């Protein structure tokens, strides 16, 4: 099929949307006119060539859409949704005509690479979570880069960077290398690539390379923290300086901010011996949506209760034993003067009169007063 529409939006669609007040603010002055929006193709639908734009018109439309981007490094959310919808419509028209001009697809792919970085940063302070946009945005990036990876060395690098953290990256790298038009240059670049942000030379100054790396930082940091949380318990003190070294930071303050984002408490932050304790709270998968919640470790709680009951029982038994040892009885006969403990005195009880009598001279046993017993013990200790 060859498209015959000579305008950015077919006349019929532009008229209908204008009558129903469905034009976006970016399709009205001062931004410009209507642009064909994306529609899912239904099975059995007959497509009119007059509604399909040819490649030259699509190229003009692409340039017009990209001109709507602000000069600052920011992207309003409504503008992103508008551009995403219109770029999808452009790709649909290209598929219908079996065309894939790099002059159109390359700028669109670069837009998505920058958009994922800018939106990840801008939505962190707004009411919209980046997670609600991430899946559709990543689908577009992977689809475009998969289609364009063989068109130039630039997009081969983008494709490699985007899949660098995947489990099957070695097979991905091998596939790109085998089909590359400049395999030597690709391999030379890959060997010289280091982790962001420690690299300061070469291609790492490329803004799109840094944008891709920025989008992967959250995944990498979360992976490091999850591994550490499995290796250490909540009773272990992990030095914050070691966390800086493992993550790849250059400042203690950066590691402190990362811990705050994932709700990991940092202890003694003002001292050189600052440390963290992992597993004091559950580690969130997404710091933007992390929820601070209190919970009880029931196994640990039961162990603590059992240990405390054991301490109480031991204390009571020792106190009872000490009290029994301190309660003594002495024979009233000064010539005898034998002493008996409370347990020994029970065997000398006379049932009829309920009194204790000495087992040696049969004299009455008298309870030794506590103050007298303490003074006797003190004298014995001095001796």
Protein backbone atom coordinates (compact mmCIF):
# COMPACT_ATOMS: atom_id res chain seq x y z
CA UNK A 1 0.00 0.00 0.00
CA UNK A 2 1.07 3.56 -0.71
CA UNK A 3 -0.44 6.37 1.30
CA UNK A 4 -2.13 9.28 -0.44
CA UNK A 5 -2.80 11.65 2.47
CA UNK A 6 -0.89 14.88 1.98
CA UNK A 7 -1.64 16.39 5.39
CA UNK A 8 -0.51 15.51 8.89
CA UNK A 9 -4.10 14.51 9.66
CA UNK A 10 -6.71 13.17 7.19
CA UNK A 11 -9.40 15.74 6.46
CA UNK A 12 -12.25 13.51 7.64
CA UNK A 13 -10.61 12.82 11.01
CA UNK A 14 -9.66 16.47 11.51
CA UNK A 15 -13.24 17.59 10.83
CA UNK A 16 -14.81 15.00 13.16
CA UNK A 17 -12.44 15.72 16.02
CA UNK A 18 -12.90 19.47 15.62
CA UNK A 19 -16.68 19.14 15.73
CA UNK A 20 -16.55 16.94 18.84
CA UNK A 21 -13.97 19.19 20.54
CA UNK A 22 -11.43 16.37 20.71
CA UNK A 23 -8.41 18.36 19.58
CA UNK A 24 -5.51 18.45 22.00
CA UNK A 25 -4.14 21.79 23.11
CA UNK A 26 -1.02 20.89 21.12
CA UNK A 27 -3.16 20.77 17.96
CA UNK A 28 -4.42 24.31 18.35
CA UNK A 29 -2.65 27.63 17.92
CA UNK A 30 0.07 28.51 18.70
CA UNK A 31 1.34 24.92 18.51
CA UNK A 32 -0.07 23.95 15.11
CA UNK A 33 -2.83 21.97 13.46
CA UNK A 34 -4.34 18.49 13.95
CA UNK A 35 -2.11 15.41 13.76
CA UNK A 36 -3.46 11.94 13.05
CA UNK A 37 -3.92 10.03 16.27
CA UNK A 38 -3.31 6.37 16.91
CA UNK A 39 -6.13 3.85 16.43
CA UNK A 40 -5.91 0.14 16.97
CA UNK A 41 -6.64 -1.72 13.76
CA UNK A 42 -9.59 -4.08 14.04
CA UNK A 43 -9.75 -7.40 12.23
CA UNK A 44 -11.40 -7.18 8.82
CA UNK A 45 -11.14 -3.39 8.64
CA UNK A 46 -10.59 -2.03 5.13
CA UNK A 47 -7.95 0.71 5.23
CA UNK A 48 -8.39 3.64 2.88
CA UNK A 49 -5.07 4.74 1.29
CA UNK A 50 -6.35 8.32 1.60
CA UNK A 51 -6.05 7.98 5.39
CA UNK A 52 -2.44 6.77 5.25
CA UNK A 53 0.36 9.34 5.07
CA UNK A 54 3.33 8.69 2.75
CA UNK A 55 6.93 8.79 3.97
CA UNK A 56 7.60 12.48 3.11
CA UNK A 57 4.50 13.59 5.04
CA UNK A 58 5.45 11.33 7.95
CA UNK A 59 8.92 12.87 8.01
CA UNK A 60 7.39 16.35 8.11
CA UNK A 61 5.02 15.23 10.88
CA UNK A 62 7.90 13.83 12.92
CA UNK A 63 9.82 17.09 12.71
CA UNK A 64 6.71 19.03 13.68
CA UNK A 65 6.08 16.84 16.74
CA UNK A 66 9.67 17.06 17.94
CA UNK A 67 9.55 20.84 17.58
CA UNK A 68 6.91 20.87 20.34
CA UNK A 69 9.48 19.75 22.91
CA UNK A 70 10.59 22.53 25.28
CA UNK A 71 14.13 23.82 25.08
CA UNK A 72 14.74 22.93 28.74
CA UNK A 73 15.38 19.35 29.77
CA UNK A 74 11.81 18.75 30.91
CA UNK A 75 8.78 16.94 29.54
CA UNK A 76 5.24 17.74 30.70
CA UNK A 77 3.24 14.58 31.20
CA UNK A 78 0.41 15.64 28.89
CA UNK A 79 2.92 16.45 26.12
CA UNK A 80 4.52 13.03 26.54
CA UNK A 81 1.17 11.26 26.17
CA UNK A 82 0.36 13.37 23.10
CA UNK A 83 3.69 12.66 21.39
CA UNK A 84 3.59 8.96 22.32
CA UNK A 85 0.15 8.58 20.72
CA UNK A 86 1.14 10.43 17.53
CA UNK A 87 4.42 8.54 17.16
CA UNK A 88 2.49 5.27 17.42
CA UNK A 89 0.27 6.47 14.57
CA UNK A 90 3.36 7.27 12.48
CA UNK A 91 4.78 3.79 13.05
CA UNK A 92 1.42 2.26 12.10
CA UNK A 93 1.40 4.12 8.78
CA UNK A 94 4.97 2.94 8.11
CA UNK A 95 4.03 -0.69 8.82
CA UNK A 96 1.06 -0.47 6.44
CA UNK A 97 3.41 0.72 3.68
CA UNK A 98 6.17 -1.74 4.68
CA UNK A 99 8.59 1.13 5.13
CA UNK A 100 11.21 1.72 7.84
CA UNK A 101 13.10 4.92 7.03
CA UNK A 102 15.78 5.66 9.62
CA UNK A 103 15.27 9.39 9.09
CA UNK A 104 11.92 8.96 10.90
CA UNK A 105 12.57 6.08 13.30
CA UNK A 106 15.92 7.31 14.63
CA UNK A 107 14.54 10.61 16.05
CA UNK A 108 11.54 8.79 17.52
CA UNK A 109 13.80 6.25 19.24
CA UNK A 110 15.98 9.01 20.65
CA UNK A 111 12.87 10.71 22.00
CA UNK A 112 11.88 7.62 24.00
CA UNK A 113 15.41 7.19 25.35
CA UNK A 114 15.46 10.72 26.71
CA UNK A 115 11.82 10.59 27.82
CA UNK A 116 12.35 7.63 30.14
CA UNK A 117 15.15 9.51 31.88
CA UNK A 118 13.32 12.85 32.18
CA UNK A 119 10.03 11.30 33.28
CA UNK A 120 11.72 9.12 35.88
CA UNK A 121 13.18 12.26 37.43
CA UNK A 122 10.16 14.55 37.06
CA UNK A 123 7.55 12.09 38.35
CA UNK A 124 9.59 11.46 41.51
CA UNK A 125 8.34 14.78 42.89
CA UNK A 126 4.81 14.65 41.46
CA UNK A 127 1.61 12.75 42.10
CA UNK A 128 2.11 10.31 39.20
CA UNK A 129 4.33 7.29 39.74
CA UNK A 130 6.81 6.40 37.03
CA UNK A 131 5.74 2.76 37.37
CA UNK A 132 2.42 3.61 35.69
CA UNK A 133 4.35 4.75 32.61
CA UNK A 134 7.33 2.42 32.68
CA UNK A 135 5.88 -0.67 31.00
CA UNK A 136 4.45 1.06 27.91
CA UNK A 137 7.51 3.27 27.58
CA UNK A 138 9.92 0.34 27.81
CA UNK A 139 7.84 -1.60 25.27
CA UNK A 140 8.30 1.24 22.80
CA UNK A 141 12.05 1.49 23.49
CA UNK A 142 12.67 -2.24 23.12
CA UNK A 143 10.52 -2.45 20.00
CA UNK A 144 12.26 0.47 18.28
CA UNK A 145 15.80 -0.50 19.26
CA UNK A 146 15.19 -4.08 18.26
CA UNK A 147 14.11 -2.83 14.84
CA UNK A 148 16.97 -0.33 14.48
CA UNK A 149 19.91 -2.17 16.06
CA UNK A 150 21.30 -3.17 12.66
CA UNK A 151 21.01 0.24 11.04
CA UNK A 152 24.03 1.95 12.63
CA UNK A 153 26.74 1.58 15.26
CA UNK A 154 24.98 4.24 17.36
CA UNK A 155 21.85 2.15 17.80
CA UNK A 156 23.83 -1.03 18.33
CA UNK A 157 25.35 0.71 21.36
CA UNK A 158 21.92 1.80 22.59
CA UNK A 159 20.62 -1.75 22.24
CA UNK A 160 23.58 -3.22 24.15
CA UNK A 161 23.27 -0.67 26.95
CA UNK A 162 19.54 -1.27 27.28
CA UNK A 163 20.02 -5.03 27.74
CA UNK A 164 23.23 -4.93 29.76
CA UNK A 165 21.54 -5.94 33.02
CA UNK A 166 19.47 -8.76 31.54
CA UNK A 167 20.13 -12.37 32.50
CA UNK A 168 20.80 -13.44 28.89
CA UNK A 169 23.00 -10.46 28.04
CA UNK A 170 25.90 -12.58 26.78
CA UNK A 171 23.69 -14.07 24.05
CA UNK A 172 22.35 -10.60 23.20
CA UNK A 173 25.87 -9.21 22.87
CA UNK A 174 26.94 -12.14 20.71
CA UNK A 175 23.94 -11.67 18.40
CA UNK A 176 24.60 -7.93 17.99
CA UNK A 177 28.32 -8.54 17.44
CA UNK A 178 27.73 -11.22 14.80
CA UNK A 179 25.36 -9.00 12.78
CA UNK A 180 27.18 -5.69 13.28
CA UNK A 181 28.41 -3.72 10.29
CA UNK A 182 31.38 -2.52 12.36
CA UNK A 183 32.02 -5.30 14.88
CA UNK A 184 35.54 -4.13 15.73
CA UNK A 185 34.37 -0.64 16.68
CA UNK A 186 31.48 -2.09 18.70
CA UNK A 187 33.77 -4.42 20.62
CA UNK A 188 36.31 -1.66 21.25
CA UNK A 189 33.57 0.58 22.65
CA UNK A 190 32.14 -2.20 24.80
CA UNK A 191 35.49 -3.05 26.38
CA UNK A 192 36.03 0.58 27.25
CA UNK A 193 32.59 1.02 28.77
CA UNK A 194 32.49 1.32 32.55
CA UNK A 195 29.63 1.70 34.96
CA UNK A 196 27.92 5.11 35.23
CA UNK A 197 28.67 7.54 36.78
CA UNK A 198 32.40 6.82 37.32
CA UNK A 199 33.30 7.07 33.65
CA UNK A 200 34.18 10.52 32.43
CA UNK A 201 35.45 9.95 28.94
CA UNK A 202 34.60 8.64 25.51
CA UNK A 203 31.06 7.77 24.61
CA UNK A 204 29.90 8.07 28.22
CA UNK A 205 29.61 11.80 27.63
CA UNK A 206 26.85 11.01 25.12
CA UNK A 207 23.59 12.22 26.66
CA UNK A 208 21.57 9.23 25.41
CA UNK A 209 24.07 6.76 26.85
CA UNK A 210 23.80 8.51 30.18
CA UNK A 211 20.01 8.56 29.89
CA UNK A 212 19.93 4.78 29.44
CA UNK A 213 22.30 4.28 32.37
CA UNK A 214 20.19 6.59 34.54
CA UNK A 215 17.13 4.46 33.87
CA UNK A 216 19.03 1.38 35.08
CA UNK A 217 20.38 2.89 38.29
CA UNK A 218 17.32 2.09 40.42
CA UNK A 219 17.44 -1.58 39.37
CA UNK A 220 21.16 -1.85 40.07
CA UNK A 221 20.96 -0.16 43.45
CA UNK A 222 17.98 -2.28 44.50
CA UNK A 223 19.88 -5.42 43.44
CA UNK A 224 22.88 -4.48 45.60
CA UNK A 225 20.70 -3.69 48.61
CA UNK A 226 18.71 -6.92 48.22
CA UNK A 227 21.90 -9.02 48.12
CA UNK A 228 23.23 -7.28 51.23
CA UNK A 229 19.92 -7.69 53.07
CA UNK A 230 20.11 -11.45 52.45
CA UNK A 231 23.71 -11.65 53.62
CA UNK A 232 23.29 -9.69 56.87
CA UNK A 233 20.74 -9.84 59.67
CA UNK A 234 19.13 -6.93 61.48
CA UNK A 235 21.59 -7.43 64.35
CA UNK A 236 24.67 -6.86 62.16
CA UNK A 237 26.24 -3.43 61.88
CA UNK A 238 27.19 -2.78 58.24
CA UNK A 239 29.57 0.21 57.84
CA UNK A 240 28.21 2.94 55.60
CA UNK A 241 31.70 3.39 54.11
CA UNK A 242 31.59 -0.19 52.81
CA UNK A 243 28.18 0.48 51.27
CA UNK A 244 29.67 3.48 49.43
CA UNK A 245 32.41 1.27 48.02
CA UNK A 246 30.09 -1.56 46.97
CA UNK A 247 27.51 0.69 45.29
CA UNK A 248 30.18 2.73 43.52
CA UNK A 249 29.52 6.11 45.10
CA UNK A 250 32.17 8.68 45.91
CA UNK A 251 30.49 10.34 48.92
CA UNK A 252 28.98 9.12 52.18
CA UNK A 253 26.10 11.57 51.66
CA UNK A 254 25.01 9.76 48.45
CA UNK A 255 24.78 6.43 50.26
CA UNK A 256 22.87 8.14 53.09
CA UNK A 257 20.30 9.49 50.60
CA UNK A 258 19.97 6.06 48.97
CA UNK A 259 19.27 4.47 52.36
CA UNK A 260 16.66 7.12 53.12
CA UNK A 261 14.95 6.44 49.78
CA UNK A 262 14.62 2.75 50.67
CA UNK A 263 13.73 3.50 54.35
CA UNK A 264 16.93 1.97 55.72
CA UNK A 265 17.90 3.65 58.99
CA UNK A 266 21.44 5.06 59.19
CA UNK A 267 22.93 5.12 62.70
CA UNK A 268 25.60 7.54 63.94
CA UNK A 269 25.61 9.44 60.65
CA UNK A 270 27.66 12.27 62.16
CA UNK A 271 30.51 9.98 63.21
CA UNK A 272 33.12 8.25 61.00
CA UNK A 273 31.73 4.92 62.23
CA UNK A 274 28.28 5.40 60.67
CA UNK A 275 26.50 2.12 59.95
CA UNK A 276 23.22 0.64 58.78
CA UNK A 277 21.24 -2.39 59.85
CA UNK A 278 19.52 -4.32 57.08
CA UNK A 279 16.17 -6.08 57.56
CA UNK A 280 15.00 -3.73 60.31
CA UNK A 281 12.20 -2.99 57.84
CA UNK A 282 11.14 -4.82 54.65
CA UNK A 283 13.11 -3.61 51.63
CA UNK A 284 10.75 -1.98 49.13
CA UNK A 285 10.95 -2.87 45.42
CA UNK A 286 10.31 0.74 44.46
CA UNK A 287 11.55 3.62 46.61
CA UNK A 288 8.88 5.91 45.10
CA UNK A 289 6.08 3.71 46.42
CA UNK A 290 7.74 2.54 49.60
CA UNK A 291 5.31 2.35 52.53
CA UNK A 292 6.56 2.58 56.08
CA UNK A 293 4.84 -0.17 58.06
CA UNK A 294 5.34 -1.70 61.48
CA UNK A 295 5.36 -5.46 61.84
CA UNK A 296 6.21 -8.14 64.40
CA UNK A 297 8.74 -10.88 63.79
CA UNK A 298 6.71 -13.55 65.58
CA UNK A 299 9.47 -16.15 65.77
CA UNK A 300 11.88 -13.64 67.27
CA UNK A 301 9.13 -12.33 69.59
CA UNK A 302 8.35 -15.84 70.91
CA UNK A 303 12.04 -16.53 71.54
CA UNK A 304 12.39 -13.27 73.49
CA UNK A 305 9.31 -14.05 75.63
CA UNK A 306 10.58 -17.56 76.40
CA UNK A 307 14.00 -16.23 77.37
CA UNK A 308 12.48 -13.61 79.66
CA UNK A 309 10.26 -16.21 81.35
CA UNK A 310 13.35 -18.34 81.89
CA UNK A 311 15.16 -15.41 83.54
CA UNK A 312 12.16 -14.69 85.79
CA UNK A 313 11.86 -18.36 86.79
CA UNK A 314 15.60 -18.56 87.56
CA UNK A 315 15.46 -15.39 89.64
CA UNK A 316 12.47 -16.63 91.65
CA UNK A 317 14.11 -20.00 92.34
CA UNK A 318 17.32 -18.34 93.48
CA UNK A 319 15.39 -15.93 95.69
CA UNK A 320 13.38 -18.76 97.21
CA UNK A 321 16.50 -20.82 97.83
CA UNK A 322 18.24 -17.86 99.41
CA UNK A 323 15.25 -17.14 101.64
CA UNK A 324 15.13 -20.75 102.75
CA UNK A 325 18.83 -20.73 103.54
CA UNK A 326 18.52 -17.51 105.51
CA UNK A 327 15.64 -18.86 107.69
CA UNK A 328 17.39 -20.84 110.47
CA UNK A 329 16.47 -22.28 113.88
CA UNK A 330 18.79 -22.50 116.96
CA UNK A 331 18.61 -24.77 119.94
CA UNK A 332 17.50 -22.96 123.09
CA UNK A 333 20.06 -24.90 125.13
CA UNK A 334 23.24 -22.80 125.20
CA UNK A 335 25.33 -25.90 125.94
CA UNK A 336 24.02 -27.47 122.70
CA UNK A 337 23.57 -24.44 120.45
CA UNK A 338 22.94 -26.45 117.29
CA UNK A 339 21.42 -24.68 114.26
CA UNK A 340 19.04 -26.08 111.67
CA UNK A 341 17.81 -24.79 108.35
CA UNK A 342 14.09 -24.53 107.60
CA UNK A 343 14.16 -27.78 105.64
CA UNK A 344 16.03 -29.60 108.40
CA UNK A 345 13.69 -28.21 111.05
CA UNK A 346 10.66 -29.67 109.32
CA UNK A 347 11.89 -33.16 110.22
CA UNK A 348 11.97 -32.17 113.92
CA UNK A 349 8.38 -30.99 114.08
CA UNK A 350 6.23 -32.34 116.93
CA UNK A 351 2.71 -32.78 115.45
CA UNK A 352 0.81 -32.52 118.73
CA UNK A 353 2.05 -29.07 119.73
CA UNK A 354 3.41 -27.91 116.34
CA UNK A 355 6.82 -26.92 117.65
CA UNK A 356 10.39 -27.81 116.72
CA UNK A 357 12.68 -29.66 119.18
CA UNK A 358 16.41 -30.28 118.90
CA UNK A 359 17.30 -33.72 117.68
CA UNK A 360 20.35 -33.87 119.99
CA UNK A 361 19.20 -32.54 123.36
CA UNK A 362 15.44 -32.36 122.78
CA UNK A 363 15.36 -28.69 123.71
CA UNK A 364 13.04 -26.27 121.98
CA UNK A 365 14.23 -24.65 118.72
CA UNK A 366 13.91 -20.94 118.37
CA UNK A 367 13.87 -19.00 115.07
CA UNK A 368 16.98 -16.89 114.67
CA UNK A 369 16.07 -13.21 114.01
CA UNK A 370 17.08 -11.95 110.55
CA UNK A 371 19.25 -9.10 111.83
CA UNK A 372 21.12 -11.48 114.13
CA UNK A 373 21.59 -13.93 111.26
CA UNK A 374 23.03 -11.16 109.05
CA UNK A 375 25.44 -10.04 111.78
CA UNK A 376 26.65 -13.62 112.27
CA UNK A 377 27.25 -13.98 108.53
CA UNK A 378 29.20 -10.73 108.44
CA UNK A 379 31.39 -11.91 111.29
CA UNK A 380 32.01 -15.21 109.56
CA UNK A 381 32.99 -13.38 106.35
CA UNK A 382 35.50 -11.25 108.28
CA UNK A 383 37.02 -14.34 109.83
